Amino acid sequence: MKLREPMRPVLVLCSLAFSCCLPSAAQQSAEPQSAPLKLEVNVNRVLVPVVVRDKHGRTVGDLKQEDFQVFDNDKPRPVSGFSREMRGATPGNTGGKLESVAQPASPADSTPPTPPRFVVFLFDDMHMSVQDMSHVKMAGAKVLAGALASSDMAAVVSTSGKTNSGLTRDRAKLQDAIMSLQTRSFYGADSAECPSIDYYQADLIENKHDYTATQDAIHKVFNCNPGLDAQRDMAVAQNQADSAARRALSLGEQDLQATYAAISEFVRRMANLPGQRTIILVSSGFQPLEQGARTAESRLMDLAAQSNVTISALDARGLYTTEWTASERGPALSGPSLLANSDYHTSAMKMAENGMEELADGTGGTFFHNSNNLDAGFKSLAEAPELVYVLELSLDNVKLDGTYHRLKVKVDREGVELQARRGFFVAKPEKNKK
């Protein structure tokens, strides 16, 4: 298969059958820097998928536009458009012709029935530890057959592009793809690097100008370099700490852009498929900390709503602990530095969980977490909600100032539970370059 010219820092994904590729880290470092992939959607509106369930967990389907209220940063916001999306398969909805799909052989005079449901198991191999990957592979391989009906078509793919079964009904092929999964680290910081500064702390230093995080980074530099004198070489230590933070921040930015681009491309590939379309994202989480990540997240949610694709997520960490393990502790951590980094570690793990939960809530999906019963998680996420309300918010009178808008959706109905998008990011308009 011919590949398009590689782009940095995001993935190159191609073909309807979800065949993908990713340049190696060595290739990427040798390539010239180019602009990140942009997720093009209608910037004049924001789509807010909403799922409403009764106390028994059944989808409520008789609501109207006037039953909903939307608050943007705690201020009432008019709903400019309203629609209902049937996420389940509908009779007669055959859609376009599906090409490059692995199907069982059939007699020449018969046509295979249109699959009522397409499920893509997207394993985030770029953010899982070896231990987490081992657990999800065992659970996924165990319950795969039970989570899918005989008529369903599914694919097992990975965010790195290294694993791809193609859409198929062949359960053995899906099982083989799951067992072939491996963890990949293209943008992760080296835990043995000294000073060790992760993406979360780098954001505190470079973007939030956090004094404690900055002083901790300087402290790490002195611990890493016993030859430096705290009085004489303070400027040197500050420069090294800032350099390490900038590098960690850059890697984190590239990582998030690659992650959202990968998920978005799979959404695009599913957009024209007939029937129910579900992506099950299996990940240990990622952290949308900065403006670029929030913008990509917002555009991905809009794209999923426009494409009638549900994204559900499974936290591969299960019932995790925020305590440090011996392997996670980098060198030069002791005393106050150990305490501060323990706090950063805890906050980063919770932020990684929020990134998955917001993506599921924002696309009408479900987030399975805080449970070691991953078997049950896979089974429960395979089925999308029957109906999703999509509220449209106009951006015509919204200032394009690069800020994040918190959303709160309420419904005029007692005794129901509501799941909806939590916010959106308004990017600043790009300046025309002459």
Protein backbone atom coordinates (compact mmCIF):
# COMPACT_ATOMS: atom_id res chain seq x y z
CA MET A 1 0.00 0.00 0.00
CA LYS A 2 1.31 3.42 -0.90
CA LEU A 3 1.58 5.86 1.96
CA ARG A 4 1.19 9.56 1.96
CA GLU A 5 4.07 11.78 2.93
CA PRO A 6 4.57 11.55 6.70
CA MET A 7 3.46 14.51 8.78
CA ARG A 8 4.70 15.68 12.14
CA PRO A 9 3.71 15.33 14.88
CA VAL A 10 0.61 13.33 13.99
CA LEU A 11 -0.23 9.95 12.52
CA VAL A 12 -0.82 9.11 8.91
CA LEU A 13 -3.87 6.87 8.65
CA CYS A 14 -5.23 5.57 5.39
CA SER A 15 -7.84 3.34 3.69
CA LEU A 16 -11.40 2.45 4.56
CA ALA A 17 -10.24 -0.82 6.09
CA PHE A 18 -8.34 1.18 8.74
CA SER A 19 -4.87 0.28 7.45
CA CYS A 20 -2.46 2.64 9.16
CA CYS A 21 1.17 3.51 9.47
CA LEU A 22 3.37 5.62 11.71
CA PRO A 23 6.92 6.75 10.98
CA SER A 24 9.45 5.45 13.43
CA ALA A 25 10.87 7.78 16.05
CA ALA A 26 14.15 7.85 14.17
CA GLN A 27 12.41 8.79 10.94
CA GLN A 28 10.46 11.53 12.66
CA SER A 29 13.55 13.11 14.18
CA ALA A 30 15.16 13.21 10.76
CA GLU A 31 12.17 14.79 9.02
CA PRO A 32 11.66 18.55 8.72
CA GLN A 33 9.07 20.05 11.05
CA SER A 34 5.71 20.59 9.38
CA ALA A 35 2.38 21.96 10.54
CA PRO A 36 0.21 19.64 12.67
CA LEU A 37 -2.85 18.06 11.09
CA LYS A 38 -5.91 20.27 11.52
CA LEU A 39 -9.33 18.82 12.23
CA GLU A 40 -11.59 20.85 9.96
CA VAL A 41 -15.17 21.23 11.16
CA ASN A 42 -17.73 24.01 11.04
CA VAL A 43 -16.27 26.62 13.40
CA ASN A 44 -19.53 28.64 13.50
CA ARG A 45 -21.31 26.15 15.72
CA VAL A 46 -20.75 23.69 18.53
CA LEU A 47 -22.59 20.38 18.68
CA VAL A 48 -23.57 19.07 22.11
CA PRO A 49 -24.66 15.39 22.16
CA VAL A 50 -26.94 14.61 25.12
CA VAL A 51 -28.06 11.20 26.38
CA VAL A 52 -31.03 11.13 28.78
CA ARG A 53 -31.90 7.97 30.72
CA ASP A 54 -34.67 7.17 33.19
CA LYS A 55 -34.06 5.67 36.63
CA HIS A 56 -33.95 2.19 35.07
CA GLY A 57 -31.19 3.19 32.66
CA ARG A 58 -33.47 3.24 29.60
CA THR A 59 -33.02 5.96 27.00
CA VAL A 60 -35.67 8.71 27.10
CA GLY A 61 -36.73 9.56 23.55
CA ASP A 62 -39.70 11.97 23.73
CA LEU A 63 -37.93 15.22 24.65
CA LYS A 64 -38.17 18.39 22.57
CA GLN A 65 -35.85 21.35 22.08
CA GLU A 66 -37.74 23.47 24.61
CA ASP A 67 -37.10 20.80 27.28
CA PHE A 68 -33.37 21.60 27.29
CA GLN A 69 -31.44 24.47 28.83
CA VAL A 70 -27.77 25.14 28.14
CA PHE A 71 -25.48 27.27 30.28
CA ASP A 72 -22.21 28.60 28.87
CA ASN A 73 -19.88 29.60 31.71
CA ASP A 74 -22.99 29.69 33.96
CA LYS A 75 -24.90 32.02 31.60
CA PRO A 76 -28.00 30.82 29.70
CA ARG A 77 -27.28 30.08 26.07
CA PRO A 78 -29.96 29.72 23.35
CA VAL A 79 -30.09 26.44 21.43
CA SER A 80 -29.90 27.33 17.74
CA GLY A 81 -30.52 23.82 16.41
CA PHE A 82 -31.91 20.50 17.61
CA SER A 83 -31.97 16.96 16.28
CA ARG A 84 -32.39 13.35 17.38
CA GLU A 85 -29.85 10.77 16.26
CA MET A 86 -30.79 7.10 16.27
CA ARG A 87 -27.49 5.46 17.13
CA GLY A 88 -28.88 1.94 16.72
CA ALA A 89 -29.17 0.25 13.34
CA THR A 90 -32.31 1.13 11.41
CA PRO A 91 -34.03 -1.14 8.88
CA GLY A 92 -33.34 -0.16 5.31
CA ASN A 93 -30.38 2.05 6.18
CA THR A 94 -27.93 0.39 3.87
CA GLY A 95 -25.71 3.40 3.19
CA GLY A 96 -22.99 3.31 0.59
CA LYS A 97 -21.01 0.36 -0.66
CA LEU A 98 -18.43 -0.91 1.84
CA GLU A 99 -15.10 -1.64 0.21
CA SER A 100 -11.91 -3.31 1.38
CA VAL A 101 -13.70 -5.15 4.17
CA ALA A 102 -12.82 -8.69 5.17
CA GLN A 103 -15.96 -10.84 4.97
CA PRO A 104 -16.66 -14.55 5.00
CA ALA A 105 -16.94 -16.11 1.58
CA SER A 106 -20.50 -16.25 0.21
CA PRO A 107 -22.13 -17.82 -2.82
CA ALA A 108 -21.74 -15.81 -5.99
CA ASP A 109 -25.51 -15.38 -6.36
CA SER A 110 -26.06 -13.95 -2.88
CA THR A 111 -25.17 -10.64 -1.24
CA PRO A 112 -23.98 -10.55 2.39
CA PRO A 113 -26.49 -8.75 4.62
CA THR A 114 -25.61 -5.23 5.66
CA PRO A 115 -24.01 -5.31 9.13
CA PRO A 116 -26.32 -3.58 11.64
CA ARG A 117 -23.41 -2.59 13.84
CA PHE A 118 -19.77 -1.63 13.40
CA VAL A 119 -17.52 -1.69 16.46
CA VAL A 120 -13.93 -0.48 16.38
CA PHE A 121 -11.80 -1.49 19.38
CA LEU A 122 -9.18 1.25 19.49
CA PHE A 123 -6.31 0.32 21.81
CA ASP A 124 -4.25 3.32 22.87
CA ASP A 125 -0.89 1.58 22.81
CA MET A 126 0.88 4.94 23.14
CA HIS A 127 -0.35 5.53 26.71
CA MET A 128 -0.53 2.08 28.28
CA SER A 129 2.04 0.50 30.55
CA VAL A 130 3.17 -3.05 29.89
CA GLN A 131 1.10 -4.21 32.86
CA ASP A 132 -2.06 -2.40 31.70
CA MET A 133 -1.62 -3.74 28.18
CA SER A 134 -1.32 -7.29 29.49
CA HIS A 135 -4.55 -6.95 31.46
CA VAL A 136 -6.62 -5.49 28.60
CA LYS A 137 -5.30 -8.06 26.12
CA MET A 138 -6.42 -10.89 28.38
CA ALA A 139 -9.82 -9.31 29.00
CA GLY A 140 -10.35 -8.31 25.37
CA ALA A 141 -9.44 -11.71 23.97
CA LYS A 142 -11.66 -13.41 26.54
CA VAL A 143 -14.87 -11.47 25.97
CA LEU A 144 -14.56 -10.44 22.33
CA ALA A 145 -16.86 -13.15 21.00
CA GLY A 146 -19.47 -12.52 23.69
CA ALA A 147 -19.50 -8.76 23.15
CA LEU A 148 -20.30 -9.03 19.44
CA ALA A 149 -23.28 -10.47 17.60
CA SER A 150 -22.65 -12.78 14.66
CA SER A 151 -23.78 -10.08 12.23
CA ASP A 152 -21.52 -7.37 13.70
CA MET A 153 -18.40 -6.24 11.93
CA ALA A 154 -15.48 -5.13 14.06
CA ALA A 155 -11.89 -4.00 13.88
CA VAL A 156 -9.01 -4.08 16.34
CA VAL A 157 -6.70 -1.12 15.78
CA SER A 158 -4.20 0.95 17.75
CA THR A 159 -3.49 4.67 18.04
CA SER A 160 0.09 4.12 16.88
CA GLY A 161 -1.14 2.44 13.70
CA LYS A 162 0.97 -0.66 14.33
CA THR A 163 -2.03 -2.96 14.86
CA ASN A 164 -4.90 -3.16 12.41
CA SER A 165 -7.18 -6.12 11.74
CA GLY A 166 -9.36 -4.35 9.19
CA LEU A 167 -13.15 -4.53 9.45
CA THR A 168 -14.09 -8.20 9.65
CA ARG A 169 -16.50 -10.76 11.02
CA ASP A 170 -13.61 -13.18 11.47
CA ARG A 171 -13.28 -13.46 15.28
CA ALA A 172 -10.00 -15.34 15.00
CA LYS A 173 -8.51 -12.44 13.06
CA LEU A 174 -9.66 -10.02 15.75
CA GLN A 175 -8.20 -12.25 18.47
CA ASP A 176 -4.86 -12.39 16.66
CA ALA A 177 -4.82 -8.60 16.38
CA ILE A 178 -5.44 -8.22 20.12
CA MET A 179 -2.64 -10.62 20.98
CA SER A 180 -0.24 -8.74 18.69
CA LEU A 181 -0.65 -5.48 20.62
CA GLN A 182 2.44 -3.97 22.24
CA THR A 183 3.08 -0.76 24.10
CA ARG A 184 4.63 2.03 22.02
CA SER A 185 6.36 5.16 23.26
CA PHE A 186 6.96 7.81 20.63
CA TYR A 187 6.61 10.97 22.68
CA GLY A 188 6.95 9.85 26.28
CA ALA A 189 9.71 11.33 28.41
CA ASP A 190 12.50 9.03 29.53
CA SER A 191 11.90 8.22 33.20
CA ALA A 192 15.66 7.81 33.66
CA GLU A 193 16.34 11.31 32.35
CA CYS A 194 17.75 13.66 34.93
CA PRO A 195 16.15 16.03 35.75
CA SER A 196 12.94 14.04 35.25
CA ILE A 197 10.08 16.42 34.42
CA ASP A 198 6.83 15.05 33.04
CA TYR A 199 4.24 16.79 30.89
CA TYR A 200 2.05 17.75 33.86
CA GLN A 201 4.86 19.50 35.74
CA ALA A 202 6.16 21.07 32.53
CA ASP A 203 2.75 22.66 31.97
CA LEU A 204 2.83 24.06 35.51
CA ILE A 205 6.26 25.57 34.87
CA GLU A 206 5.94 26.91 31.34
CA ASN A 207 2.26 27.83 31.07
CA LYS A 208 1.09 28.42 34.61
CA HIS A 209 4.39 29.80 35.96
CA ASP A 210 3.97 27.78 39.15
CA TYR A 211 6.66 28.76 41.67
CA THR A 212 6.71 25.44 43.54
CA ALA A 213 7.00 23.39 40.34
CA THR A 214 9.80 25.63 39.07
CA GLN A 215 11.76 25.41 42.31
CA ASP A 216 11.31 21.65 42.35
CA ALA A 217 12.77 21.42 38.83
CA ILE A 218 15.79 23.48 39.90
CA HIS A 219 16.20 21.27 42.96
CA LYS A 220 16.24 18.23 40.67
CA VAL A 221 18.98 19.79 38.55
CA PHE A 222 21.23 20.22 41.58
CA ASN A 223 20.54 16.65 42.70
CA CYS A 224 21.41 15.39 39.22
CA ASN A 225 24.63 17.42 39.11
CA PRO A 226 26.48 17.28 42.46
CA GLY A 227 29.25 19.39 40.94
CA LEU A 228 27.00 22.42 40.68
CA ASP A 229 27.11 24.94 43.53
CA ALA A 230 23.78 26.32 44.73
CA GLN A 231 25.23 29.83 45.13
CA ARG A 232 27.52 30.02 42.13
CA ASP A 233 25.55 28.04 39.54
CA MET A 234 21.95 29.04 40.20
CA ALA A 235 21.56 30.57 36.72
CA VAL A 236 22.93 27.40 35.13
CA ALA A 237 20.47 25.24 37.08
CA GLN A 238 17.57 27.52 36.16
CA ASN A 239 18.46 27.26 32.47
CA GLN A 240 18.72 23.48 32.63
CA ALA A 241 15.39 23.21 34.46
CA ASP A 242 13.67 25.46 31.94
CA SER A 243 15.17 23.54 29.03
CA ALA A 244 13.98 20.22 30.44
CA ALA A 245 10.49 21.64 31.01
CA ARG A 246 10.27 22.99 27.46
CA ARG A 247 11.30 19.63 26.05
CA ALA A 248 8.73 17.76 28.15
CA LEU A 249 6.05 20.25 27.14
CA SER A 250 6.88 19.89 23.45
CA LEU A 251 6.74 16.09 23.67
CA GLY A 252 3.42 16.29 25.49
CA GLU A 253 1.95 18.61 22.87
CA GLN A 254 3.01 16.30 20.05
CA ASP A 255 1.65 13.29 21.91
CA LEU A 256 -1.80 14.85 22.39
CA GLN A 257 -2.02 16.08 18.81
CA ALA A 258 -1.11 12.60 17.55
CA THR A 259 -3.66 10.97 19.83
CA TYR A 260 -6.58 13.19 18.84
CA ALA A 261 -5.62 13.00 15.16
CA ALA A 262 -5.63 9.19 15.31
CA ILE A 263 -9.05 9.00 16.96
CA SER A 264 -10.44 11.64 14.59
CA GLU A 265 -9.27 9.77 11.52
CA PHE A 266 -11.02 6.60 12.64
CA VAL A 267 -14.20 8.64 13.20
CA ARG A 268 -13.91 9.97 9.65
CA ARG A 269 -13.45 6.45 8.25
CA MET A 270 -16.60 5.28 10.03
CA ALA A 271 -18.77 8.27 9.06
CA ASN A 272 -20.25 6.72 5.91
CA LEU A 273 -20.75 3.21 7.27
CA PRO A 274 -24.38 2.05 7.59
CA GLY A 275 -25.93 1.11 10.91
CA GLN A 276 -24.61 1.72 14.41
CA ARG A 277 -21.03 3.02 14.66
CA THR A 278 -19.14 2.68 17.92
CA ILE A 279 -15.53 3.23 18.88
CA ILE A 280 -14.37 1.65 22.12
CA LEU A 281 -11.25 3.49 23.22
CA VAL A 282 -9.10 1.40 25.56
CA SER A 283 -6.50 3.61 27.23
CA SER A 284 -4.66 4.46 30.41
CA GLY A 285 -5.56 8.08 29.74
CA PHE A 286 -4.13 11.30 28.35
CA GLN A 287 -4.02 14.85 29.63
CA PRO A 288 -5.65 17.68 27.62
CA LEU A 289 -3.83 20.41 29.55
CA GLU A 290 -3.13 23.08 26.96
CA GLN A 291 -5.00 25.16 24.43
CA GLY A 292 -3.93 23.01 21.48
CA ALA A 293 -5.20 19.82 23.11
CA ARG A 294 -8.47 21.42 24.18
CA THR A 295 -9.02 22.71 20.65
CA ALA A 296 -8.35 19.26 19.16
CA GLU A 297 -10.66 17.69 21.75
CA SER A 298 -13.50 20.11 20.90
CA ARG A 299 -13.13 19.51 17.18
CA LEU A 300 -13.08 15.76 17.69
CA MET A 301 -16.36 15.94 19.62
CA ASP A 302 -17.95 18.02 16.85
CA LEU A 303 -16.68 15.58 14.23
CA ALA A 304 -18.09 12.57 16.12
CA ALA A 305 -21.49 14.28 16.45
CA GLN A 306 -21.56 15.17 12.76
CA SER A 307 -20.52 11.62 11.83
CA ASN A 308 -23.04 9.90 14.13
CA VAL A 309 -20.20 7.99 15.84
CA THR A 310 -20.26 7.13 19.54
CA ILE A 311 -16.97 6.98 21.43
CA SER A 312 -16.96 4.99 24.66
CA ALA A 313 -13.87 4.56 26.80
CA LEU A 314 -12.43 1.91 29.09
CA ASP A 315 -9.78 2.84 31.65
CA ALA A 316 -7.12 0.15 31.27
CA ARG A 317 -5.74 0.93 34.72
CA GLY A 318 -8.79 -0.59 36.40
CA LEU A 319 -9.10 0.26 40.08
CA TYR A 320 -5.78 2.05 40.20
CA THR A 321 -3.82 3.63 43.02
CA THR A 322 -2.16 7.01 42.82
CA GLU A 323 0.75 5.89 44.96
CA TRP A 324 4.21 5.87 43.36
CA THR A 325 5.72 2.56 42.36
CA ALA A 326 9.46 1.93 42.53
CA SER A 327 9.74 1.94 38.73
CA GLU A 328 7.96 5.32 38.46
CA ARG A 329 10.26 7.16 40.82
CA GLY A 330 12.91 8.93 38.84
CA PRO A 331 16.39 9.68 40.13
CA ALA A 332 17.09 12.65 42.37
CA LEU A 333 13.74 12.54 44.17
CA SER A 334 13.88 12.94 47.92
CA GLY A 335 12.39 15.02 50.71
CA PRO A 336 10.21 17.93 49.54
CA SER A 337 10.83 16.99 45.91
CA LEU A 338 9.41 13.50 46.47
CA LEU A 339 6.32 14.98 48.17
CA ALA A 340 5.72 17.55 45.42
CA ASN A 341 6.14 15.00 42.64
CA SER A 342 3.81 12.59 44.40
CA ASP A 343 1.16 15.33 44.24
CA TYR A 344 1.90 15.94 40.55
CA HIS A 345 1.69 12.21 39.90
CA THR A 346 -1.73 11.99 41.57
CA SER A 347 -3.09 15.02 39.72
CA ALA A 348 -1.74 13.78 36.38
CA MET A 349 -3.43 10.38 36.81
CA LYS A 350 -6.76 12.02 37.60
CA MET A 351 -6.40 14.38 34.64
CA ALA A 352 -5.71 11.39 32.38
CA GLU A 353 -8.99 9.86 33.57
CA ASN A 354 -10.85 13.13 32.94
CA GLY A 355 -9.57 13.22 29.37
CA MET A 356 -11.24 9.87 28.62
CA GLU A 357 -14.43 10.69 30.53
CA GLU A 358 -14.93 14.03 28.77
CA LEU A 359 -14.49 12.38 25.38
CA ALA A 360 -17.12 9.75 26.20
CA ASP A 361 -19.57 12.26 27.68
CA GLY A 362 -19.06 14.62 24.75
CA THR A 363 -19.95 12.00 22.11
CA GLY A 364 -22.82 10.17 23.78
CA GLY A 365 -20.66 7.28 24.94
CA THR A 366 -20.00 5.58 28.27
CA PHE A 367 -16.89 5.65 30.44
CA PHE A 368 -16.00 2.42 32.27
CA HIS A 369 -13.49 3.02 35.06
CA ASN A 370 -12.55 2.34 38.68
CA SER A 371 -13.12 -1.39 38.25
CA ASN A 372 -10.82 -4.33 37.72
CA ASN A 373 -13.60 -6.25 35.99
CA LEU A 374 -12.44 -5.30 32.51
CA ASP A 375 -14.39 -8.25 31.06
CA ALA A 376 -17.65 -6.56 32.08
CA GLY A 377 -16.32 -3.25 30.76
CA PHE A 378 -15.80 -4.58 27.25
CA LYS A 379 -19.25 -6.17 27.22
CA SER A 380 -21.07 -3.07 28.47
CA LEU A 381 -19.41 -0.63 26.05
CA ALA A 382 -20.14 -2.50 22.84
CA GLU A 383 -23.73 -1.22 22.75
CA ALA A 384 -24.28 2.47 21.98
CA PRO A 385 -27.31 4.38 23.35
CA GLU A 386 -30.44 4.00 21.23
CA LEU A 387 -30.96 7.74 20.86
CA VAL A 388 -28.81 10.83 21.27
CA TYR A 389 -30.12 14.39 21.27
CA VAL A 390 -27.82 16.84 19.51
CA LEU A 391 -28.07 20.47 20.55
CA GLU A 392 -26.50 23.07 18.29
CA LEU A 393 -25.00 26.26 19.70
CA SER A 394 -24.20 29.12 17.35
CA LEU A 395 -20.81 30.83 17.71
CA ASP A 396 -21.82 33.90 15.71
CA ASN A 397 -21.79 36.15 18.78
CA VAL A 398 -18.96 34.43 20.64
CA LYS A 399 -15.64 36.20 20.91
CA LEU A 400 -12.85 34.14 19.31
CA ASP A 401 -10.38 34.73 22.11
CA GLY A 402 -8.85 31.30 22.67
CA THR A 403 -10.77 30.49 25.85
CA TYR A 404 -12.43 27.35 27.19
CA HIS A 405 -16.19 27.52 27.74
CA ARG A 406 -17.71 25.33 30.43
CA LEU A 407 -21.08 23.87 29.47
CA LYS A 408 -23.91 22.71 31.69
CA VAL A 409 -27.00 21.10 30.18
CA LYS A 410 -30.27 20.75 32.09
CA VAL A 411 -33.49 19.03 31.08
CA ASP A 412 -37.03 19.78 32.22
CA ARG A 413 -37.88 16.25 33.32
CA GLU A 414 -37.88 14.76 36.80
CA GLY A 415 -36.18 11.49 37.68
CA VAL A 416 -33.78 11.29 34.75
CA GLU A 417 -29.99 11.16 34.42
CA LEU A 418 -28.28 13.32 31.85
CA GLN A 419 -24.95 12.85 30.12
CA ALA A 420 -23.61 15.70 27.99
CA ARG A 421 -20.58 17.49 26.70
CA ARG A 422 -18.85 19.53 29.41
CA GLY A 423 -17.31 22.31 27.38
CA PHE A 424 -15.68 23.53 24.20
CA PHE A 425 -12.67 25.55 23.24
CA VAL A 426 -12.92 28.61 21.02
CA ALA A 427 -9.70 28.94 19.07
CA LYS A 428 -8.33 32.28 18.02
CA PRO A 429 -8.55 32.99 14.29
CA GLU A 430 -5.32 32.27 12.48
CA LYS A 431 -3.42 35.21 11.08
CA ASN A 432 -2.98 35.20 7.34
CA LYS A 433 0.65 34.73 6.46
CA LYS A 434 1.86 36.63 3.44
